[in-house]
């Protein structure tokens, strides 16, 4: 679905003529004088530039649609904050900042998910080992002592495991 929306977006942008730098300066002057149609034209005309900026971050962890969304937000912010200077540079600086922040957040979320998965696997292994040793299922307290964790930590890991099982399509209750 993400790809379909992105493809539709690309088709729409192809139909819009890109802003030249000369037109951009003219539109910015008109916007300062309160011209709403100039604002719309500038935003539409800059979409090609937004796509170019987004493309620099392709295949780095976020779908293109998300990258374009961040760059579009940067375009809107740059227009809101614009006073004087090179508008494209302001858009680019904001877009780079937003995209890199989104990529970092994605990376942190992935790392956190991997850490949780590792804890779940360790808990499963230790639980099985203790069940064999004890001849019964280990209590949460026993697992916590063995893993040198708090009872709450063990319960949190167990909750993650149960939550994952409840949304898995293969599991039948």
N, C-alpha and C. Protein backbone atom coordinates (compact mmCIF):
# COMPACT_ATOMS: atom_id res chain seq x y z
N UNK A 1 0.82 -1.19 0.00
CA UNK A 1 0.00 0.00 0.00
C UNK A 1 0.87 1.26 0.00
N UNK A 2 1.95 1.23 0.82
CA UNK A 2 2.86 2.37 0.87
C UNK A 2 3.36 2.71 -0.53
N UNK A 3 3.76 1.67 -1.28
CA UNK A 3 4.32 1.88 -2.61
C UNK A 3 3.28 2.44 -3.57
N UNK A 4 2.01 2.00 -3.45
CA UNK A 4 0.96 2.49 -4.34
C UNK A 4 0.72 3.98 -4.13
N UNK A 5 0.67 4.42 -2.89
CA UNK A 5 0.46 5.83 -2.58
C UNK A 5 1.64 6.65 -3.09
N UNK A 6 2.83 6.14 -2.89
CA UNK A 6 4.02 6.84 -3.35
C UNK A 6 4.02 6.95 -4.88
N UNK A 7 3.64 5.89 -5.57
CA UNK A 7 3.58 5.93 -7.04
C UNK A 7 2.55 6.95 -7.53
N UNK A 8 1.41 7.00 -6.85
CA UNK A 8 0.38 7.99 -7.20
C UNK A 8 0.93 9.40 -7.00
N UNK A 9 1.65 9.59 -5.92
CA UNK A 9 2.26 10.89 -5.62
C UNK A 9 3.23 11.27 -6.75
N UNK A 10 4.08 10.32 -7.16
CA UNK A 10 5.03 10.60 -8.23
C UNK A 10 4.33 11.00 -9.52
N UNK A 11 3.24 10.32 -9.83
CA UNK A 11 2.49 10.64 -11.04
C UNK A 11 1.92 12.05 -10.98
N UNK A 12 1.43 12.43 -9.81
CA UNK A 12 0.89 13.79 -9.63
C UNK A 12 1.98 14.83 -9.78
N UNK A 13 3.13 14.59 -9.17
CA UNK A 13 4.22 15.56 -9.21
C UNK A 13 4.73 15.74 -10.63
N UNK A 14 4.73 14.67 -11.42
CA UNK A 14 5.20 14.76 -12.81
C UNK A 14 4.38 15.77 -13.61
N UNK A 15 3.13 15.94 -13.25
CA UNK A 15 2.23 16.84 -13.99
C UNK A 15 2.43 18.32 -13.61
N UNK A 16 3.17 18.56 -12.54
CA UNK A 16 3.35 19.92 -12.04
C UNK A 16 4.70 20.44 -12.51
N UNK A 17 4.71 21.61 -13.15
CA UNK A 17 6.01 22.16 -13.57
C UNK A 17 6.84 22.59 -12.36
N UNK A 18 8.12 22.29 -12.40
CA UNK A 18 9.02 22.67 -11.31
C UNK A 18 9.25 24.17 -11.33
N UNK A 19 9.51 24.73 -10.16
CA UNK A 19 9.86 26.15 -10.05
C UNK A 19 11.29 26.37 -10.48
N UNK A 20 11.49 27.38 -11.28
CA UNK A 20 12.87 27.81 -11.55
C UNK A 20 13.29 28.71 -10.39
N UNK A 21 14.56 28.95 -10.28
CA UNK A 21 15.03 29.83 -9.20
C UNK A 21 14.48 31.25 -9.37
N UNK A 22 14.36 31.69 -10.61
CA UNK A 22 13.82 33.04 -10.87
C UNK A 22 12.35 33.10 -10.43
N UNK A 23 11.58 32.08 -10.81
CA UNK A 23 10.18 32.04 -10.41
C UNK A 23 10.06 31.94 -8.90
N UNK A 24 10.93 31.17 -8.29
CA UNK A 24 10.94 31.00 -6.84
C UNK A 24 11.09 32.35 -6.14
N UNK A 25 12.07 33.16 -6.59
CA UNK A 25 12.29 34.48 -5.98
C UNK A 25 11.07 35.38 -6.16
N UNK A 26 10.49 35.34 -7.35
CA UNK A 26 9.30 36.15 -7.63
C UNK A 26 8.14 35.72 -6.72
N UNK A 27 7.93 34.43 -6.60
CA UNK A 27 6.85 33.91 -5.76
C UNK A 27 7.07 34.27 -4.29
N UNK A 28 8.31 34.18 -3.83
CA UNK A 28 8.60 34.54 -2.44
C UNK A 28 8.28 36.01 -2.17
N UNK A 29 8.59 36.88 -3.13
CA UNK A 29 8.22 38.30 -2.98
C UNK A 29 6.71 38.46 -2.91
N UNK A 30 6.00 37.74 -3.76
CA UNK A 30 4.54 37.82 -3.77
C UNK A 30 3.94 37.27 -2.47
N UNK A 31 4.54 36.22 -1.95
CA UNK A 31 4.07 35.63 -0.69
C UNK A 31 4.22 36.63 0.44
N UNK A 32 5.34 37.34 0.46
CA UNK A 32 5.56 38.36 1.50
C UNK A 32 4.49 39.44 1.44
N UNK A 33 3.92 39.64 0.27
CA UNK A 33 2.85 40.63 0.10
C UNK A 33 1.47 40.02 0.30
N UNK A 34 1.42 38.77 0.78
CA UNK A 34 0.14 38.15 1.13
C UNK A 34 -0.56 37.39 0.02
N UNK A 35 0.12 37.08 -1.07
CA UNK A 35 -0.50 36.39 -2.20
C UNK A 35 -0.58 34.88 -1.93
N UNK A 36 -1.80 34.40 -1.67
CA UNK A 36 -2.02 32.99 -1.34
C UNK A 36 -1.78 32.07 -2.54
N UNK A 37 -2.14 32.53 -3.73
CA UNK A 37 -1.93 31.66 -4.90
C UNK A 37 -0.44 31.50 -5.20
N UNK A 38 0.35 32.51 -4.89
CA UNK A 38 1.80 32.40 -5.07
C UNK A 38 2.36 31.35 -4.10
N UNK A 39 1.81 31.32 -2.89
CA UNK A 39 2.24 30.32 -1.89
C UNK A 39 1.95 28.91 -2.40
N UNK A 40 0.75 28.71 -2.94
CA UNK A 40 0.38 27.40 -3.47
C UNK A 40 1.28 27.00 -4.63
N UNK A 41 1.55 27.93 -5.52
CA UNK A 41 2.41 27.63 -6.68
C UNK A 41 3.82 27.27 -6.22
N UNK A 42 4.34 28.02 -5.25
CA UNK A 42 5.68 27.74 -4.76
C UNK A 42 5.74 26.35 -4.13
N UNK A 43 4.76 26.03 -3.31
CA UNK A 43 4.75 24.71 -2.66
C UNK A 43 4.69 23.60 -3.70
N UNK A 44 3.81 23.75 -4.68
CA UNK A 44 3.71 22.72 -5.72
C UNK A 44 4.97 22.66 -6.57
N UNK A 45 5.49 23.82 -6.93
CA UNK A 45 6.68 23.87 -7.79
C UNK A 45 7.93 23.34 -7.13
N UNK A 46 7.95 23.31 -5.81
CA UNK A 46 9.11 22.82 -5.07
C UNK A 46 9.05 21.31 -4.82
N UNK A 47 7.96 20.67 -5.19
CA UNK A 47 7.83 19.23 -4.94
C UNK A 47 8.89 18.40 -5.66
N UNK A 48 9.33 18.85 -6.82
CA UNK A 48 10.41 18.15 -7.53
C UNK A 48 11.70 18.19 -6.70
N UNK A 49 11.96 19.35 -6.11
CA UNK A 49 13.15 19.50 -5.26
C UNK A 49 13.03 18.60 -4.03
N UNK A 50 11.83 18.52 -3.46
CA UNK A 50 11.58 17.66 -2.30
C UNK A 50 11.85 16.19 -2.66
N UNK A 51 11.42 15.78 -3.83
CA UNK A 51 11.68 14.40 -4.28
C UNK A 51 13.17 14.14 -4.44
N UNK A 52 13.86 15.12 -4.98
CA UNK A 52 15.32 14.99 -5.15
C UNK A 52 16.00 14.83 -3.79
N UNK A 53 15.61 15.66 -2.82
CA UNK A 53 16.19 15.56 -1.48
C UNK A 53 15.89 14.20 -0.85
N UNK A 54 14.67 13.75 -0.97
CA UNK A 54 14.26 12.48 -0.38
C UNK A 54 15.03 11.32 -1.00
N UNK A 55 15.26 11.39 -2.29
CA UNK A 55 15.95 10.33 -3.01
C UNK A 55 17.36 10.07 -2.50
N UNK A 56 17.97 11.07 -1.91
CA UNK A 56 19.32 10.90 -1.36
C UNK A 56 19.35 9.90 -0.21
N UNK A 57 18.20 9.65 0.39
CA UNK A 57 18.13 8.78 1.56
C UNK A 57 17.44 7.45 1.27
N UNK A 58 17.25 7.17 0.01
CA UNK A 58 16.60 5.92 -0.41
C UNK A 58 17.40 4.72 0.10
N UNK A 59 16.68 3.67 0.49
CA UNK A 59 17.27 2.41 0.96
C UNK A 59 18.14 2.57 2.20
N UNK A 60 17.75 3.49 3.08
CA UNK A 60 18.52 3.67 4.32
C UNK A 60 17.68 3.35 5.56
N UNK A 61 16.53 2.68 5.34
CA UNK A 61 15.76 2.24 6.49
C UNK A 61 14.33 2.74 6.56
N UNK A 62 13.99 3.74 5.77
CA UNK A 62 12.62 4.25 5.75
C UNK A 62 12.05 4.15 4.35
N UNK A 63 10.76 3.88 4.23
CA UNK A 63 10.14 3.86 2.90
C UNK A 63 10.20 5.25 2.26
N UNK A 64 10.24 5.30 0.95
CA UNK A 64 10.32 6.58 0.24
C UNK A 64 9.17 7.50 0.61
N UNK A 65 8.00 6.94 0.80
CA UNK A 65 6.85 7.77 1.18
C UNK A 65 7.10 8.53 2.47
N UNK A 66 7.73 7.87 3.44
CA UNK A 66 8.05 8.53 4.71
C UNK A 66 9.11 9.59 4.52
N UNK A 67 10.10 9.31 3.68
CA UNK A 67 11.14 10.29 3.41
C UNK A 67 10.56 11.54 2.74
N UNK A 68 9.67 11.32 1.78
CA UNK A 68 9.03 12.44 1.10
C UNK A 68 8.18 13.24 2.07
N UNK A 69 7.49 12.54 2.95
CA UNK A 69 6.66 13.23 3.94
C UNK A 69 7.51 14.14 4.82
N UNK A 70 8.65 13.65 5.27
CA UNK A 70 9.54 14.48 6.10
C UNK A 70 10.04 15.69 5.32
N UNK A 71 10.41 15.48 4.06
CA UNK A 71 10.90 16.59 3.23
C UNK A 71 9.78 17.58 2.93
N UNK A 72 8.56 17.09 2.73
CA UNK A 72 7.42 18.00 2.52
C UNK A 72 7.17 18.85 3.76
N UNK A 73 7.28 18.24 4.93
CA UNK A 73 7.11 18.99 6.18
C UNK A 73 8.20 20.06 6.28
N UNK A 74 9.40 19.73 5.87
CA UNK A 74 10.49 20.70 5.89
C UNK A 74 10.18 21.86 4.94
N UNK A 75 9.61 21.57 3.79
CA UNK A 75 9.22 22.61 2.84
C UNK A 75 8.22 23.57 3.48
N UNK A 76 7.21 23.00 4.13
CA UNK A 76 6.20 23.85 4.79
C UNK A 76 6.82 24.68 5.91
N UNK A 77 7.69 24.06 6.71
CA UNK A 77 8.35 24.79 7.80
C UNK A 77 9.25 25.90 7.26
N UNK A 78 9.98 25.60 6.20
CA UNK A 78 10.87 26.61 5.62
C UNK A 78 10.06 27.80 5.12
N UNK A 79 8.92 27.54 4.52
CA UNK A 79 8.09 28.63 4.02
C UNK A 79 7.53 29.46 5.18
N UNK A 80 7.14 28.79 6.26
CA UNK A 80 6.65 29.48 7.45
C UNK A 80 7.73 30.37 8.06
N UNK A 81 8.95 29.87 8.08
CA UNK A 81 10.04 30.56 8.75
C UNK A 81 10.82 31.50 7.83
N UNK A 82 10.51 31.50 6.55
CA UNK A 82 11.32 32.23 5.58
C UNK A 82 11.27 33.73 5.82
N UNK A 83 12.45 34.31 5.79
CA UNK A 83 12.53 35.77 5.82
C UNK A 83 13.34 36.25 4.62
N UNK A 84 14.61 35.98 4.62
CA UNK A 84 15.47 36.33 3.48
C UNK A 84 16.52 35.25 3.34
N UNK A 85 17.15 35.22 2.20
CA UNK A 85 18.21 34.25 1.97
C UNK A 85 17.78 33.25 0.91
N UNK A 86 18.55 32.19 0.80
CA UNK A 86 18.26 31.19 -0.23
C UNK A 86 17.25 30.18 0.30
N UNK A 87 16.08 30.22 -0.26
CA UNK A 87 14.96 29.39 0.19
C UNK A 87 15.28 27.90 0.03
N UNK A 88 15.84 27.50 -1.10
CA UNK A 88 16.14 26.08 -1.31
C UNK A 88 17.13 25.56 -0.26
N UNK A 89 18.08 26.37 0.13
CA UNK A 89 19.04 25.96 1.16
C UNK A 89 18.32 25.74 2.48
N UNK A 90 17.36 26.62 2.79
CA UNK A 90 16.59 26.46 4.03
C UNK A 90 15.76 25.19 3.99
N UNK A 91 15.13 24.92 2.85
CA UNK A 91 14.34 23.69 2.69
C UNK A 91 15.26 22.48 2.85
N UNK A 92 16.40 22.53 2.18
CA UNK A 92 17.33 21.40 2.23
C UNK A 92 17.82 21.15 3.66
N UNK A 93 18.22 22.21 4.35
CA UNK A 93 18.72 22.05 5.72
C UNK A 93 17.65 21.44 6.62
N UNK A 94 16.43 21.94 6.52
CA UNK A 94 15.34 21.39 7.35
C UNK A 94 15.03 19.95 6.96
N UNK A 95 15.01 19.66 5.67
CA UNK A 95 14.69 18.30 5.20
C UNK A 95 15.76 17.32 5.67
N UNK A 96 17.01 17.68 5.51
CA UNK A 96 18.09 16.79 5.95
C UNK A 96 17.98 16.52 7.45
N UNK A 97 17.72 17.55 8.20
CA UNK A 97 17.58 17.41 9.64
C UNK A 97 16.43 16.48 10.01
N UNK A 98 15.27 16.70 9.39
CA UNK A 98 14.08 15.87 9.69
C UNK A 98 14.29 14.43 9.26
N UNK A 99 14.85 14.23 8.07
CA UNK A 99 15.04 12.87 7.56
C UNK A 99 16.06 12.11 8.40
N UNK A 100 17.16 12.77 8.73
CA UNK A 100 18.17 12.09 9.55
C UNK A 100 17.63 11.76 10.94
N UNK A 101 16.81 12.64 11.48
CA UNK A 101 16.18 12.36 12.78
C UNK A 101 15.24 11.16 12.67
N UNK A 102 14.47 11.10 11.59
CA UNK A 102 13.55 9.97 11.39
C UNK A 102 14.31 8.66 11.21
N UNK A 103 15.42 8.70 10.48
CA UNK A 103 16.25 7.51 10.30
C UNK A 103 16.85 7.05 11.62
N UNK A 104 17.29 7.99 12.44
CA UNK A 104 17.86 7.65 13.75
C UNK A 104 16.80 7.03 14.64
N UNK A 105 15.60 7.60 14.61
CA UNK A 105 14.51 7.05 15.42
C UNK A 105 14.18 5.63 14.96
N UNK A 106 14.13 5.41 13.66
CA UNK A 106 13.87 4.08 13.11
C UNK A 106 14.93 3.09 13.57
N UNK A 107 16.18 3.52 13.55
CA UNK A 107 17.29 2.67 13.97
C UNK A 107 17.17 2.32 15.45
N UNK A 108 16.85 3.29 16.27
CA UNK A 108 16.69 3.05 17.71
C UNK A 108 15.54 2.10 17.99
N UNK A 109 14.44 2.27 17.26
CA UNK A 109 13.30 1.38 17.45
C UNK A 109 13.64 -0.06 17.05
N UNK A 110 14.37 -0.20 15.97
CA UNK A 110 14.79 -1.53 15.52
C UNK A 110 15.72 -2.17 16.55
N UNK A 111 16.65 -1.39 17.07
CA UNK A 111 17.59 -1.90 18.07
C UNK A 111 16.84 -2.31 19.33
N UNK A 112 15.87 -1.52 19.76
CA UNK A 112 15.09 -1.85 20.96
C UNK A 112 14.31 -3.14 20.74
N UNK A 113 13.73 -3.30 19.55
CA UNK A 113 12.98 -4.52 19.25
C UNK A 113 13.89 -5.74 19.25
N UNK A 114 15.10 -5.59 18.73
CA UNK A 114 16.06 -6.70 18.73
C UNK A 114 16.47 -7.06 20.15
N UNK A 115 16.65 -6.07 21.01
CA UNK A 115 17.02 -6.32 22.40
C UNK A 115 15.90 -7.06 23.13
N UNK A 116 14.66 -6.66 22.88
CA UNK A 116 13.51 -7.33 23.50
C UNK A 116 13.44 -8.77 23.02
N UNK A 117 13.63 -8.98 21.73
CA UNK A 117 13.59 -10.35 21.19
C UNK A 117 14.68 -11.21 21.81
N UNK A 118 15.85 -10.64 22.02
CA UNK A 118 16.95 -11.39 22.64
C UNK A 118 16.59 -11.76 24.08
N UNK A 119 15.99 -10.83 24.81
CA UNK A 119 15.59 -11.12 26.20
C UNK A 119 14.52 -12.21 26.24
N UNK A 120 13.58 -12.15 25.30
CA UNK A 120 12.54 -13.18 25.24
C UNK A 120 13.17 -14.55 25.00
N UNK A 121 14.13 -14.63 24.10
CA UNK A 121 14.78 -15.90 23.79
C UNK A 121 15.57 -16.43 24.98
N UNK A 122 16.28 -15.55 25.68
CA UNK A 122 17.04 -15.97 26.85
C UNK A 122 16.09 -16.47 27.93
N UNK A 123 15.01 -15.74 28.17
CA UNK A 123 14.03 -16.17 29.17
C UNK A 123 13.45 -17.53 28.82
N UNK A 124 13.14 -17.73 27.56
CA UNK A 124 12.59 -19.03 27.11
C UNK A 124 13.59 -20.15 27.38
N UNK A 125 14.86 -19.92 27.03
CA UNK A 125 15.89 -20.95 27.23
C UNK A 125 16.09 -21.25 28.72
N UNK A 126 16.18 -20.23 29.52
CA UNK A 126 16.39 -20.44 30.95
C UNK A 126 15.17 -21.10 31.58
N UNK A 127 14.00 -20.71 31.15
CA UNK A 127 12.77 -21.31 31.67
C UNK A 127 12.73 -22.80 31.37
N UNK A 128 13.09 -23.18 30.15
CA UNK A 128 13.13 -24.60 29.78
C UNK A 128 14.18 -25.36 30.59
N UNK A 129 15.34 -24.75 30.75
CA UNK A 129 16.42 -25.38 31.50
C UNK A 129 16.00 -25.59 32.97
N UNK A 130 15.39 -24.58 33.56
CA UNK A 130 14.96 -24.69 34.96
C UNK A 130 13.83 -25.70 35.12
N UNK A 131 12.95 -25.79 34.13
CA UNK A 131 11.86 -26.77 34.19
C UNK A 131 12.43 -28.19 34.21
N UNK A 132 13.48 -28.42 33.43
CA UNK A 132 14.14 -29.73 33.43
C UNK A 132 14.82 -30.00 34.77
N UNK A 133 15.50 -28.99 35.29
CA UNK A 133 16.20 -29.14 36.57
C UNK A 133 15.24 -29.36 37.74
N UNK A 134 14.16 -28.58 37.75
CA UNK A 134 13.23 -28.61 38.88
C UNK A 134 12.14 -29.69 38.74
N UNK A 135 11.93 -30.13 37.53
CA UNK A 135 10.85 -31.10 37.29
C UNK A 135 9.48 -30.42 37.30
N UNK A 136 9.47 -29.10 37.17
CA UNK A 136 8.23 -28.31 37.13
C UNK A 136 8.57 -26.95 36.50
N UNK A 137 7.54 -26.19 36.22
CA UNK A 137 7.75 -24.84 35.70
C UNK A 137 8.35 -23.97 36.81
N UNK A 138 9.31 -23.15 36.47
CA UNK A 138 9.91 -22.24 37.45
C UNK A 138 8.94 -21.10 37.73
N UNK A 139 8.98 -20.59 38.94
CA UNK A 139 8.15 -19.42 39.28
C UNK A 139 8.81 -18.17 38.72
N UNK A 140 8.06 -17.10 38.68
CA UNK A 140 8.59 -15.82 38.21
C UNK A 140 9.75 -15.39 39.11
N UNK A 141 9.60 -15.58 40.39
CA UNK A 141 10.66 -15.22 41.34
C UNK A 141 11.93 -16.02 41.09
N UNK A 142 11.79 -17.32 40.83
CA UNK A 142 12.95 -18.16 40.55
C UNK A 142 13.64 -17.74 39.25
N UNK A 143 12.84 -17.42 38.25
CA UNK A 143 13.41 -16.96 36.98
C UNK A 143 14.16 -15.64 37.18
N UNK A 144 13.56 -14.73 37.95
CA UNK A 144 14.19 -13.44 38.21
C UNK A 144 15.53 -13.63 38.91
N UNK A 145 15.56 -14.50 39.91
CA UNK A 145 16.81 -14.76 40.64
C UNK A 145 17.87 -15.34 39.71
N UNK A 146 17.48 -16.30 38.88
CA UNK A 146 18.41 -16.96 37.97
C UNK A 146 18.98 -15.97 36.94
N UNK A 147 18.10 -15.08 36.44
CA UNK A 147 18.52 -14.14 35.40
C UNK A 147 19.09 -12.84 35.97
N UNK A 148 19.10 -12.74 37.30
CA UNK A 148 19.59 -11.53 37.96
C UNK A 148 18.82 -10.29 37.48
N UNK A 149 17.50 -10.45 37.49
CA UNK A 149 16.59 -9.38 37.09
C UNK A 149 15.51 -9.25 38.16
N UNK A 150 14.73 -8.18 38.05
CA UNK A 150 13.62 -8.03 38.98
C UNK A 150 12.44 -8.86 38.50
N UNK A 151 11.52 -9.12 39.41
CA UNK A 151 10.29 -9.84 39.06
C UNK A 151 9.52 -9.03 38.02
N UNK A 152 9.51 -7.71 38.17
CA UNK A 152 8.80 -6.85 37.22
C UNK A 152 9.40 -6.97 35.82
N UNK A 153 10.74 -7.03 35.73
CA UNK A 153 11.39 -7.20 34.42
C UNK A 153 10.96 -8.51 33.76
N UNK A 154 10.92 -9.57 34.55
CA UNK A 154 10.52 -10.87 34.01
C UNK A 154 9.07 -10.81 33.54
N UNK A 155 8.21 -10.19 34.34
CA UNK A 155 6.79 -10.06 33.96
C UNK A 155 6.64 -9.25 32.68
N UNK A 156 7.45 -8.20 32.55
CA UNK A 156 7.41 -7.39 31.33
C UNK A 156 7.80 -8.21 30.10
N UNK A 157 8.83 -9.02 30.23
CA UNK A 157 9.27 -9.88 29.12
C UNK A 157 8.17 -10.89 28.79
N UNK A 158 7.57 -11.46 29.82
CA UNK A 158 6.48 -12.42 29.59
C UNK A 158 5.29 -11.75 28.90
N UNK A 159 5.01 -10.52 29.28
CA UNK A 159 3.89 -9.79 28.66
C UNK A 159 4.17 -9.55 27.18
N UNK A 160 5.40 -9.19 26.85
CA UNK A 160 5.78 -8.99 25.45
C UNK A 160 5.55 -10.28 24.67
N UNK A 161 5.94 -11.40 25.26
CA UNK A 161 5.78 -12.70 24.60
C UNK A 161 4.30 -13.01 24.38
N UNK A 162 3.49 -12.77 25.40
CA UNK A 162 2.04 -13.03 25.28
C UNK A 162 1.40 -12.09 24.27
N UNK A 163 1.81 -10.83 24.28
CA UNK A 163 1.27 -9.87 23.31
C UNK A 163 1.60 -10.29 21.89
N UNK A 164 2.83 -10.75 21.68
CA UNK A 164 3.24 -11.19 20.34
C UNK A 164 2.44 -12.41 19.90
N UNK A 165 2.20 -13.32 20.84
CA UNK A 165 1.41 -14.52 20.50
C UNK A 165 -0.03 -14.16 20.19
N UNK A 166 -0.57 -13.17 20.86
CA UNK A 166 -1.98 -12.83 20.65
C UNK A 166 -2.23 -12.16 19.31
N UNK A 167 -1.19 -11.57 18.69
CA UNK A 167 -1.37 -10.95 17.38
C UNK A 167 -0.84 -11.81 16.24
N UNK A 168 -0.18 -12.89 16.56
CA UNK A 168 0.36 -13.76 15.53
C UNK A 168 -0.77 -14.53 14.84
N UNK A 169 -0.84 -14.49 13.50
CA UNK A 169 -1.92 -15.18 12.79
C UNK A 169 -1.83 -16.71 12.87
N UNK A 170 -0.64 -17.24 13.18
CA UNK A 170 -0.48 -18.70 13.24
C UNK A 170 -0.99 -19.31 14.55
N UNK A 171 -1.06 -18.49 15.58
CA UNK A 171 -1.44 -19.01 16.90
C UNK A 171 -2.96 -19.08 16.99
N UNK A 172 -3.45 -20.23 17.41
CA UNK A 172 -4.89 -20.41 17.61
C UNK A 172 -5.15 -20.62 19.08
N UNK A 173 -6.07 -19.86 19.61
CA UNK A 173 -6.40 -19.96 21.04
C UNK A 173 -7.56 -20.92 21.23
